[in-house]
Amino acid sequence: MAKFTRDEVIQVIEGGRKCAGADLRSIDLSGADLALAILSMANLQEANLYGANLSGADLYGADLTGADLSDADLSGADLREANLDRADLSGANLSAANLSWVDLTGANLFGAKLVRANLKGASLRMDGLSRADLQGTHLTNTDLQRARYSADTKWPEGFDPKAAGAWLVEDGDEPAAGTVEVRIG
């Protein structure tokens, strides 16, 4: 499959065409305006999307394993069934995004804004949720086992993160993204 350059991808998206299923592994699209882009089923493993505008984008089933989405705007994006395993979403805006059945295992969501996002059935196992804003978020059947959160994390009204299996950590106790924490005893 052909590899695409940054300019080619932006030109295709600006022209209103789709990049569905495209192989965009390790591409640098940092800061790019990809609003309303159609990237469903695209391979974006290890892609650099730092600060990119992906608002309203169709990322259904996309593979974003290990991608850098820090400070990206993903508000209103469709990320259903996407793989965001070990992705860096720190400071990202995911307000009103559809993240149902998404794999976010080990992702970094430090300071992410997830207000009114749909996380139904998503896996947030071992995620860093310190200072994340999850107010009004749909968390039905969401796996929060060993997800780490701080006193500054904002949860939906009446939600008990400890009962859901999440761990309260002190600020500064967050392991670095991509590291594995082992607890003995």
N, C-alpha and C. Protein backbone atom coordinates (compact mmCIF):
# COMPACT_ATOMS: atom_id res chain seq x y z
N MET A 1 0.84 -1.17 0.00
CA MET A 1 0.00 0.00 0.00
C MET A 1 0.89 1.24 0.00
N ALA A 2 0.55 2.24 -0.76
CA ALA A 2 1.35 3.45 -0.89
C ALA A 2 1.32 4.27 0.39
N LYS A 3 2.46 4.89 0.71
CA LYS A 3 2.55 5.79 1.85
C LYS A 3 2.21 7.20 1.36
N PHE A 4 1.48 7.94 2.17
CA PHE A 4 1.06 9.28 1.81
C PHE A 4 1.90 10.31 2.56
N THR A 5 2.11 11.45 1.95
CA THR A 5 2.79 12.55 2.63
C THR A 5 1.75 13.41 3.34
N ARG A 6 2.23 14.25 4.23
CA ARG A 6 1.37 15.19 4.94
C ARG A 6 0.58 16.05 3.95
N ASP A 7 1.26 16.62 2.98
CA ASP A 7 0.60 17.50 2.01
C ASP A 7 -0.46 16.76 1.20
N GLU A 8 -0.18 15.51 0.82
CA GLU A 8 -1.16 14.73 0.05
C GLU A 8 -2.42 14.48 0.87
N VAL A 9 -2.24 14.12 2.15
CA VAL A 9 -3.39 13.84 3.01
C VAL A 9 -4.23 15.10 3.20
N ILE A 10 -3.59 16.21 3.49
CA ILE A 10 -4.32 17.47 3.69
C ILE A 10 -5.04 17.88 2.41
N GLN A 11 -4.39 17.72 1.27
CA GLN A 11 -5.02 18.06 -0.01
C GLN A 11 -6.26 17.20 -0.27
N VAL A 12 -6.17 15.92 0.02
CA VAL A 12 -7.30 15.02 -0.18
C VAL A 12 -8.47 15.42 0.73
N ILE A 13 -8.17 15.69 1.99
CA ILE A 13 -9.22 16.04 2.95
C ILE A 13 -9.82 17.40 2.61
N GLU A 14 -9.00 18.38 2.28
CA GLU A 14 -9.51 19.71 1.91
C GLU A 14 -10.37 19.63 0.65
N GLY A 15 -10.09 18.68 -0.21
CA GLY A 15 -10.87 18.50 -1.43
C GLY A 15 -12.17 17.75 -1.20
N GLY A 16 -12.42 17.41 0.08
CA GLY A 16 -13.67 16.74 0.42
C GLY A 16 -13.67 15.25 0.14
N ARG A 17 -12.49 14.71 -0.17
CA ARG A 17 -12.42 13.28 -0.44
C ARG A 17 -12.07 12.52 0.84
N LYS A 18 -12.25 11.23 0.79
CA LYS A 18 -12.06 10.38 1.95
C LYS A 18 -10.66 9.78 1.99
N CYS A 19 -10.20 9.53 3.22
CA CYS A 19 -8.96 8.79 3.46
C CYS A 19 -9.29 7.51 4.23
N ALA A 20 -10.52 7.03 4.08
CA ALA A 20 -10.96 5.83 4.79
C ALA A 20 -10.06 4.66 4.40
N GLY A 21 -9.59 3.94 5.42
CA GLY A 21 -8.77 2.76 5.20
C GLY A 21 -7.34 3.04 4.78
N ALA A 22 -6.94 4.29 4.75
CA ALA A 22 -5.59 4.65 4.29
C ALA A 22 -4.53 4.21 5.29
N ASP A 23 -3.35 3.89 4.79
CA ASP A 23 -2.21 3.56 5.63
C ASP A 23 -1.44 4.85 5.91
N LEU A 24 -1.64 5.38 7.11
CA LEU A 24 -1.03 6.65 7.50
C LEU A 24 -0.14 6.46 8.74
N ARG A 25 0.42 5.27 8.87
CA ARG A 25 1.29 4.97 10.01
C ARG A 25 2.42 5.98 10.11
N SER A 26 2.65 6.46 11.31
CA SER A 26 3.77 7.35 11.65
C SER A 26 3.77 8.68 10.91
N ILE A 27 2.68 9.06 10.29
CA ILE A 27 2.62 10.33 9.55
C ILE A 27 2.60 11.50 10.53
N ASP A 28 3.19 12.61 10.15
CA ASP A 28 3.18 13.82 10.96
C ASP A 28 2.11 14.77 10.43
N LEU A 29 0.99 14.83 11.15
CA LEU A 29 -0.11 15.74 10.82
C LEU A 29 -0.32 16.71 11.97
N SER A 30 0.74 16.99 12.71
CA SER A 30 0.63 17.89 13.86
C SER A 30 0.14 19.26 13.40
N GLY A 31 -0.84 19.79 14.14
CA GLY A 31 -1.39 21.10 13.86
C GLY A 31 -2.25 21.21 12.62
N ALA A 32 -2.47 20.12 11.91
CA ALA A 32 -3.24 20.15 10.66
C ALA A 32 -4.73 20.36 10.94
N ASP A 33 -5.41 21.03 10.01
CA ASP A 33 -6.86 21.21 10.09
C ASP A 33 -7.52 20.06 9.34
N LEU A 34 -7.99 19.08 10.11
CA LEU A 34 -8.61 17.88 9.57
C LEU A 34 -10.07 17.79 10.02
N ALA A 35 -10.69 18.94 10.29
CA ALA A 35 -12.08 18.97 10.72
C ALA A 35 -12.96 18.26 9.69
N LEU A 36 -13.85 17.42 10.18
CA LEU A 36 -14.81 16.66 9.36
C LEU A 36 -14.15 15.65 8.42
N ALA A 37 -12.87 15.35 8.63
CA ALA A 37 -12.16 14.38 7.79
C ALA A 37 -12.79 13.00 7.92
N ILE A 38 -12.76 12.24 6.83
CA ILE A 38 -13.26 10.87 6.85
C ILE A 38 -12.04 9.95 6.84
N LEU A 39 -11.73 9.45 8.04
CA LEU A 39 -10.55 8.61 8.26
C LEU A 39 -10.95 7.26 8.87
N SER A 40 -12.19 6.83 8.62
CA SER A 40 -12.66 5.57 9.19
C SER A 40 -11.77 4.43 8.72
N MET A 41 -11.47 3.53 9.65
CA MET A 41 -10.67 2.33 9.41
C MET A 41 -9.24 2.65 8.95
N ALA A 42 -8.79 3.90 9.07
CA ALA A 42 -7.43 4.26 8.67
C ALA A 42 -6.43 3.73 9.69
N ASN A 43 -5.23 3.43 9.23
CA ASN A 43 -4.15 3.01 10.11
C ASN A 43 -3.31 4.24 10.44
N LEU A 44 -3.49 4.74 11.66
CA LEU A 44 -2.78 5.93 12.13
C LEU A 44 -1.88 5.58 13.32
N GLN A 45 -1.38 4.35 13.35
CA GLN A 45 -0.50 3.93 14.43
C GLN A 45 0.70 4.85 14.50
N GLU A 46 1.04 5.28 15.73
CA GLU A 46 2.21 6.12 15.99
C GLU A 46 2.18 7.45 15.24
N ALA A 47 1.03 7.87 14.73
CA ALA A 47 0.92 9.15 14.00
C ALA A 47 1.09 10.32 14.96
N ASN A 48 1.65 11.41 14.45
CA ASN A 48 1.77 12.64 15.23
C ASN A 48 0.63 13.57 14.84
N LEU A 49 -0.37 13.65 15.71
CA LEU A 49 -1.54 14.50 15.50
C LEU A 49 -1.63 15.56 16.59
N TYR A 50 -0.47 15.90 17.15
CA TYR A 50 -0.41 16.90 18.21
C TYR A 50 -1.06 18.21 17.74
N GLY A 51 -2.03 18.69 18.51
CA GLY A 51 -2.67 19.97 18.22
C GLY A 51 -3.50 20.00 16.95
N ALA A 52 -3.76 18.85 16.34
CA ALA A 52 -4.55 18.81 15.10
C ALA A 52 -6.02 19.09 15.39
N ASN A 53 -6.71 19.68 14.41
CA ASN A 53 -8.15 19.90 14.51
C ASN A 53 -8.85 18.74 13.82
N LEU A 54 -9.40 17.82 14.62
CA LEU A 54 -10.14 16.67 14.12
C LEU A 54 -11.60 16.75 14.56
N SER A 55 -12.08 17.96 14.80
CA SER A 55 -13.46 18.12 15.26
C SER A 55 -14.43 17.58 14.21
N GLY A 56 -15.37 16.77 14.67
CA GLY A 56 -16.37 16.19 13.78
C GLY A 56 -15.82 15.14 12.82
N ALA A 57 -14.59 14.74 12.99
CA ALA A 57 -13.98 13.75 12.07
C ALA A 57 -14.59 12.36 12.25
N ASP A 58 -14.60 11.59 11.18
CA ASP A 58 -15.05 10.20 11.21
C ASP A 58 -13.82 9.32 11.33
N LEU A 59 -13.59 8.82 12.55
CA LEU A 59 -12.45 7.94 12.84
C LEU A 59 -12.95 6.57 13.27
N TYR A 60 -14.15 6.20 12.81
CA TYR A 60 -14.75 4.92 13.18
C TYR A 60 -13.77 3.78 12.85
N GLY A 61 -13.45 2.97 13.85
CA GLY A 61 -12.60 1.80 13.65
C GLY A 61 -11.16 2.10 13.29
N ALA A 62 -10.73 3.34 13.40
CA ALA A 62 -9.35 3.69 13.06
C ALA A 62 -8.39 3.10 14.09
N ASP A 63 -7.17 2.78 13.66
CA ASP A 63 -6.14 2.28 14.57
C ASP A 63 -5.20 3.43 14.90
N LEU A 64 -5.35 3.95 16.11
CA LEU A 64 -4.54 5.08 16.59
C LEU A 64 -3.61 4.62 17.71
N THR A 65 -3.20 3.36 17.68
CA THR A 65 -2.31 2.81 18.70
C THR A 65 -1.05 3.66 18.79
N GLY A 66 -0.75 4.12 20.00
CA GLY A 66 0.47 4.88 20.23
C GLY A 66 0.52 6.25 19.57
N ALA A 67 -0.60 6.74 19.05
CA ALA A 67 -0.62 8.05 18.37
C ALA A 67 -0.51 9.18 19.38
N ASP A 68 0.08 10.29 18.95
CA ASP A 68 0.15 11.50 19.76
C ASP A 68 -0.99 12.42 19.36
N LEU A 69 -2.02 12.46 20.20
CA LEU A 69 -3.18 13.32 19.99
C LEU A 69 -3.26 14.38 21.08
N SER A 70 -2.13 14.65 21.71
CA SER A 70 -2.13 15.64 22.79
C SER A 70 -2.52 17.00 22.24
N ASP A 71 -3.34 17.69 23.01
CA ASP A 71 -3.85 19.03 22.67
C ASP A 71 -4.63 19.07 21.35
N ALA A 72 -5.07 17.92 20.85
CA ALA A 72 -5.87 17.87 19.63
C ALA A 72 -7.32 18.19 19.94
N ASP A 73 -8.05 18.71 18.95
CA ASP A 73 -9.48 18.96 19.08
C ASP A 73 -10.22 17.83 18.38
N LEU A 74 -10.81 16.95 19.20
CA LEU A 74 -11.59 15.82 18.70
C LEU A 74 -13.05 15.98 19.10
N SER A 75 -13.48 17.20 19.36
CA SER A 75 -14.85 17.42 19.79
C SER A 75 -15.82 16.96 18.70
N GLY A 76 -16.81 16.19 19.13
CA GLY A 76 -17.83 15.70 18.21
C GLY A 76 -17.34 14.64 17.23
N ALA A 77 -16.13 14.15 17.41
CA ALA A 77 -15.58 13.13 16.50
C ALA A 77 -16.24 11.78 16.74
N ASP A 78 -16.32 10.97 15.69
CA ASP A 78 -16.83 9.60 15.79
C ASP A 78 -15.64 8.67 15.87
N LEU A 79 -15.37 8.17 17.08
CA LEU A 79 -14.25 7.27 17.33
C LEU A 79 -14.74 5.88 17.72
N ARG A 80 -15.99 5.57 17.39
CA ARG A 80 -16.52 4.25 17.77
C ARG A 80 -15.60 3.13 17.29
N GLU A 81 -15.35 2.19 18.20
CA GLU A 81 -14.57 0.99 17.92
C GLU A 81 -13.14 1.27 17.46
N ALA A 82 -12.65 2.47 17.69
CA ALA A 82 -11.26 2.80 17.36
C ALA A 82 -10.33 2.17 18.39
N ASN A 83 -9.08 2.00 18.02
CA ASN A 83 -8.06 1.51 18.94
C ASN A 83 -7.15 2.67 19.30
N LEU A 84 -7.24 3.11 20.56
CA LEU A 84 -6.42 4.20 21.07
C LEU A 84 -5.49 3.69 22.17
N ASP A 85 -5.13 2.41 22.08
CA ASP A 85 -4.24 1.79 23.04
C ASP A 85 -2.93 2.58 23.10
N ARG A 86 -2.54 3.00 24.32
CA ARG A 86 -1.30 3.74 24.58
C ARG A 86 -1.23 5.09 23.86
N ALA A 87 -2.35 5.62 23.41
CA ALA A 87 -2.36 6.93 22.75
C ALA A 87 -2.19 8.04 23.79
N ASP A 88 -1.56 9.12 23.37
CA ASP A 88 -1.41 10.29 24.24
C ASP A 88 -2.50 11.29 23.88
N LEU A 89 -3.49 11.40 24.77
CA LEU A 89 -4.62 12.31 24.59
C LEU A 89 -4.58 13.41 25.65
N SER A 90 -3.42 13.65 26.22
CA SER A 90 -3.32 14.67 27.27
C SER A 90 -3.70 16.03 26.71
N GLY A 91 -4.59 16.70 27.44
CA GLY A 91 -5.04 18.03 27.03
C GLY A 91 -5.96 18.05 25.83
N ALA A 92 -6.34 16.90 25.31
CA ALA A 92 -7.21 16.84 24.12
C ALA A 92 -8.64 17.22 24.48
N ASN A 93 -9.35 17.80 23.51
CA ASN A 93 -10.76 18.11 23.68
C ASN A 93 -11.57 17.02 22.99
N LEU A 94 -12.21 16.17 23.80
CA LEU A 94 -13.05 15.08 23.31
C LEU A 94 -14.51 15.31 23.68
N SER A 95 -14.88 16.56 23.89
CA SER A 95 -16.26 16.88 24.26
C SER A 95 -17.23 16.39 23.20
N ALA A 96 -18.28 15.73 23.65
CA ALA A 96 -19.35 15.22 22.78
C ALA A 96 -18.84 14.23 21.73
N ALA A 97 -17.65 13.68 21.91
CA ALA A 97 -17.13 12.67 20.99
C ALA A 97 -17.78 11.33 21.29
N ASN A 98 -17.93 10.49 20.27
CA ASN A 98 -18.47 9.15 20.46
C ASN A 98 -17.30 8.19 20.54
N LEU A 99 -17.03 7.72 21.77
CA LEU A 99 -15.92 6.80 22.04
C LEU A 99 -16.46 5.44 22.49
N SER A 100 -17.68 5.10 22.06
CA SER A 100 -18.26 3.83 22.50
C SER A 100 -17.46 2.66 21.92
N TRP A 101 -17.20 1.69 22.81
CA TRP A 101 -16.49 0.46 22.49
C TRP A 101 -15.06 0.71 21.99
N VAL A 102 -14.46 1.79 22.48
CA VAL A 102 -13.08 2.15 22.12
C VAL A 102 -12.11 1.51 23.10
N ASP A 103 -10.97 1.06 22.59
CA ASP A 103 -9.90 0.55 23.45
C ASP A 103 -8.94 1.69 23.76
N LEU A 104 -8.99 2.18 25.00
CA LEU A 104 -8.11 3.24 25.47
C LEU A 104 -7.14 2.70 26.52
N THR A 105 -6.89 1.40 26.51
CA THR A 105 -6.04 0.78 27.51
C THR A 105 -4.67 1.45 27.54
N GLY A 106 -4.29 1.94 28.71
CA GLY A 106 -2.98 2.55 28.88
C GLY A 106 -2.84 3.92 28.24
N ALA A 107 -3.94 4.50 27.79
CA ALA A 107 -3.87 5.83 27.18
C ALA A 107 -3.64 6.90 28.25
N ASN A 108 -3.08 8.03 27.84
CA ASN A 108 -2.87 9.15 28.74
C ASN A 108 -3.94 10.20 28.46
N LEU A 109 -4.84 10.40 29.42
CA LEU A 109 -5.92 11.37 29.28
C LEU A 109 -5.76 12.50 30.30
N PHE A 110 -4.53 12.76 30.71
CA PHE A 110 -4.25 13.81 31.69
C PHE A 110 -4.78 15.15 31.17
N GLY A 111 -5.70 15.73 31.92
CA GLY A 111 -6.24 17.03 31.57
C GLY A 111 -7.15 17.05 30.35
N ALA A 112 -7.54 15.87 29.85
CA ALA A 112 -8.42 15.82 28.68
C ALA A 112 -9.83 16.27 29.05
N LYS A 113 -10.51 16.86 28.09
CA LYS A 113 -11.88 17.32 28.28
C LYS A 113 -12.81 16.32 27.57
N LEU A 114 -13.60 15.59 28.37
CA LEU A 114 -14.50 14.57 27.84
C LEU A 114 -15.96 14.89 28.19
N VAL A 115 -16.28 16.16 28.33
CA VAL A 115 -17.63 16.58 28.73
C VAL A 115 -18.64 16.07 27.70
N ARG A 116 -19.67 15.37 28.19
CA ARG A 116 -20.76 14.82 27.38
C ARG A 116 -20.29 13.81 26.32
N ALA A 117 -19.11 13.24 26.51
CA ALA A 117 -18.63 12.21 25.58
C ALA A 117 -19.36 10.90 25.87
N ASN A 118 -19.44 10.03 24.87
CA ASN A 118 -20.05 8.72 25.03
C ASN A 118 -18.92 7.70 25.14
N LEU A 119 -18.76 7.13 26.34
CA LEU A 119 -17.73 6.13 26.59
C LEU A 119 -18.36 4.76 26.89
N LYS A 120 -19.57 4.55 26.41
CA LYS A 120 -20.27 3.28 26.67
C LYS A 120 -19.42 2.11 26.17
N GLY A 121 -19.14 1.18 27.09
CA GLY A 121 -18.42 -0.03 26.74
C GLY A 121 -16.94 0.16 26.44
N ALA A 122 -16.42 1.35 26.65
CA ALA A 122 -15.00 1.62 26.37
C ALA A 122 -14.11 1.01 27.44
N SER A 123 -12.88 0.71 27.07
CA SER A 123 -11.89 0.22 28.02
C SER A 123 -10.93 1.35 28.35
N LEU A 124 -10.96 1.77 29.62
CA LEU A 124 -10.03 2.78 30.11
C LEU A 124 -9.11 2.16 31.15
N ARG A 125 -8.87 0.86 31.03
CA ARG A 125 -8.00 0.14 31.97
C ARG A 125 -6.63 0.80 32.04
N MET A 126 -6.19 1.04 33.26
CA MET A 126 -4.86 1.56 33.55
C MET A 126 -4.60 2.93 32.93
N ASP A 127 -5.65 3.65 32.57
CA ASP A 127 -5.48 4.99 31.99
C ASP A 127 -5.14 6.02 33.05
N GLY A 128 -4.45 7.06 32.62
CA GLY A 128 -4.19 8.21 33.47
C GLY A 128 -5.29 9.24 33.24
N LEU A 129 -6.15 9.45 34.23
CA LEU A 129 -7.28 10.37 34.11
C LEU A 129 -7.13 11.58 35.03
N SER A 130 -5.92 11.83 35.52
CA SER A 130 -5.72 12.96 36.41
C SER A 130 -6.11 14.25 35.70
N ARG A 131 -6.89 15.06 36.42
CA ARG A 131 -7.36 16.37 35.96
C ARG A 131 -8.26 16.30 34.72
N ALA A 132 -8.71 15.10 34.35
CA ALA A 132 -9.64 14.98 33.21
C ALA A 132 -11.02 15.47 33.63
N ASP A 133 -11.77 15.99 32.66
CA ASP A 133 -13.14 16.47 32.91
C ASP A 133 -14.11 15.53 32.21
N LEU A 134 -14.81 14.71 33.01
CA LEU A 134 -15.75 13.73 32.49
C LEU A 134 -17.20 14.08 32.84
N GLN A 135 -17.46 15.33 33.14
CA GLN A 135 -18.81 15.74 33.54
C GLN A 135 -19.81 15.45 32.41
N GLY A 136 -20.91 14.81 32.78
CA GLY A 136 -21.96 14.51 31.82
C GLY A 136 -21.61 13.39 30.86
N THR A 137 -20.50 12.71 31.11
CA THR A 137 -20.05 11.63 30.22
C THR A 137 -20.86 10.36 30.46
N HIS A 138 -21.17 9.65 29.38
CA HIS A 138 -21.90 8.38 29.43
C HIS A 138 -20.89 7.27 29.70
N LEU A 139 -20.97 6.64 30.90
CA LEU A 139 -19.98 5.64 31.32
C LEU A 139 -20.58 4.24 31.51
N THR A 140 -21.73 3.95 30.93
CA THR A 140 -22.34 2.63 31.06
C THR A 140 -21.42 1.55 30.50
N ASN A 141 -21.16 0.53 31.28
CA ASN A 141 -20.31 -0.61 30.90
C ASN A 141 -18.88 -0.21 30.55
N THR A 142 -18.43 0.94 31.03
CA THR A 142 -17.05 1.37 30.79
C THR A 142 -16.14 0.67 31.78
N ASP A 143 -15.03 0.12 31.30
CA ASP A 143 -14.05 -0.58 32.13
C ASP A 143 -13.03 0.43 32.66
N LEU A 144 -13.11 0.71 33.95
CA LEU A 144 -12.20 1.66 34.60
C LEU A 144 -11.26 0.97 35.57
N GLN A 145 -11.10 -0.34 35.47
CA GLN A 145 -10.22 -1.07 36.38
C GLN A 145 -8.80 -0.50 36.33
N ARG A 146 -8.30 -0.10 37.49
CA ARG A 146 -6.95 0.43 37.68
C ARG A 146 -6.69 1.74 36.92
N ALA A 147 -7.75 2.38 36.43
CA ALA A 147 -7.58 3.72 35.86
C ALA A 147 -7.17 4.64 37.01
N ARG A 148 -6.24 5.54 36.76
CA ARG A 148 -5.73 6.43 37.80
C ARG A 148 -6.32 7.82 37.62
N TYR A 149 -6.84 8.38 38.73
CA TYR A 149 -7.42 9.72 38.67
C TYR A 149 -6.94 10.52 39.87
N SER A 150 -7.04 11.83 39.77
CA SER A 150 -6.63 12.70 40.87
C SER A 150 -7.86 13.34 41.51
N ALA A 151 -7.63 14.04 42.60
CA ALA A 151 -8.72 14.75 43.26
C ALA A 151 -9.32 15.82 42.34
N ASP A 152 -8.57 16.25 41.34
CA ASP A 152 -9.03 17.26 40.39
C ASP A 152 -9.83 16.68 39.21
N THR A 153 -9.91 15.37 39.12
CA THR A 153 -10.69 14.75 38.04
C THR A 153 -12.17 15.03 38.30
N LYS A 154 -12.88 15.45 37.25
CA LYS A 154 -14.31 15.76 37.38
C LYS A 154 -15.11 14.63 36.76
N TRP A 155 -15.98 14.02 37.58
CA TRP A 155 -16.79 12.87 37.18
C TRP A 155 -18.25 13.29 36.97
N PRO A 156 -19.03 12.45 36.27
CA PRO A 156 -20.47 12.73 36.16
C PRO A 156 -21.09 12.75 37.56
N GLU A 157 -22.11 13.54 37.73
CA GLU A 157 -22.79 13.66 39.02
C GLU A 157 -23.24 12.29 39.51
N GLY A 158 -22.90 11.97 40.76
CA GLY A 158 -23.30 10.72 41.39
C GLY A 158 -22.43 9.53 41.03
N PHE A 159 -21.42 9.69 40.19
CA PHE A 159 -20.57 8.56 39.79
C PHE A 159 -19.51 8.31 40.85
N ASP A 160 -19.30 7.03 41.20
CA ASP A 160 -18.30 6.64 42.19
C ASP A 160 -17.14 5.93 41.50
N PRO A 161 -16.03 6.63 41.24
CA PRO A 161 -14.91 6.01 40.52
C PRO A 161 -14.28 4.85 41.27
N LYS A 162 -14.24 4.92 42.60
CA LYS A 162 -13.65 3.82 43.38
C LYS A 162 -14.46 2.54 43.20
N ALA A 163 -15.80 2.68 43.22
CA ALA A 163 -16.67 1.52 43.03
C ALA A 163 -16.50 0.92 41.63
N ALA A 164 -16.06 1.74 40.68
CA ALA A 164 -15.84 1.28 39.31
C ALA A 164 -14.45 0.68 39.13
N GLY A 165 -13.63 0.70 40.20
CA GLY A 165 -12.30 0.09 40.14
C GLY A 165 -11.16 1.04 39.84
N ALA A 166 -11.45 2.34 39.79
CA ALA A 166 -10.39 3.32 39.53
C ALA A 166 -9.61 3.62 40.81
N TRP A 167 -8.36 4.06 40.65
CA TRP A 167 -7.48 4.35 41.78
C TRP A 167 -7.22 5.84 41.89
N LEU A 168 -7.39 6.38 43.09
CA LEU A 168 -7.07 7.77 43.35
C LEU A 168 -5.57 7.88 43.59
N VAL A 169 -4.91 8.78 42.86
CA VAL A 169 -3.47 9.01 43.02
C VAL A 169 -3.24 10.48 43.35
N GLU A 170 -2.15 10.76 44.00
CA GLU A 170 -1.76 12.14 44.25
C GLU A 170 -1.19 12.72 42.97
N ASP A 171 -1.40 14.01 42.74
CA ASP A 171 -0.76 14.65 41.58
C ASP A 171 0.74 14.41 41.68
N GLY A 172 1.34 14.07 40.56
CA GLY A 172 2.76 13.77 40.53
C GLY A 172 3.05 12.29 40.67
N ASP A 173 2.01 11.50 41.07
CA ASP A 173 2.19 10.05 41.18
C ASP A 173 1.85 9.32 39.90
N GLU A 174 1.49 10.05 38.85
CA GLU A 174 1.13 9.43 37.57
C GLU A 174 2.38 8.86 36.91
N PRO A 175 2.38 7.58 36.57
CA PRO A 175 3.49 7.05 35.80
C PRO A 175 3.51 7.70 34.41
N ALA A 176 4.64 7.77 33.81
CA ALA A 176 4.75 8.34 32.45
C ALA A 176 3.96 7.50 31.48
N ALA A 177 3.46 8.15 30.42
CA ALA A 177 2.70 7.45 29.39
C ALA A 177 3.51 6.31 28.83
N GLY A 178 2.88 5.17 28.64
CA GLY A 178 3.54 4.02 28.05
C GLY A 178 4.29 3.15 29.06
N THR A 179 4.30 3.53 30.35
CA THR A 179 4.98 2.72 31.35
C THR A 179 3.96 1.79 31.99
N VAL A 180 4.42 0.71 32.55
CA VAL A 180 3.57 -0.25 33.21
C VAL A 180 3.82 -0.16 34.71
N GLU A 181 2.76 -0.07 35.47
CA GLU A 181 2.87 0.01 36.92
C GLU A 181 2.56 -1.36 37.48
N VAL A 182 3.42 -1.86 38.35
CA VAL A 182 3.23 -3.16 38.97
C VAL A 182 3.07 -2.95 40.47
N ARG A 183 2.00 -3.48 41.02
CA ARG A 183 1.77 -3.40 42.47
C ARG A 183 1.84 -4.80 43.03
N ILE A 184 2.66 -4.96 44.08
CA ILE A 184 2.80 -6.26 44.72
C ILE A 184 2.20 -6.17 46.11
N GLY A 185 1.40 -7.19 46.41
CA GLY A 185 0.83 -7.25 47.76
C GLY A 185 -0.48 -6.70 47.90
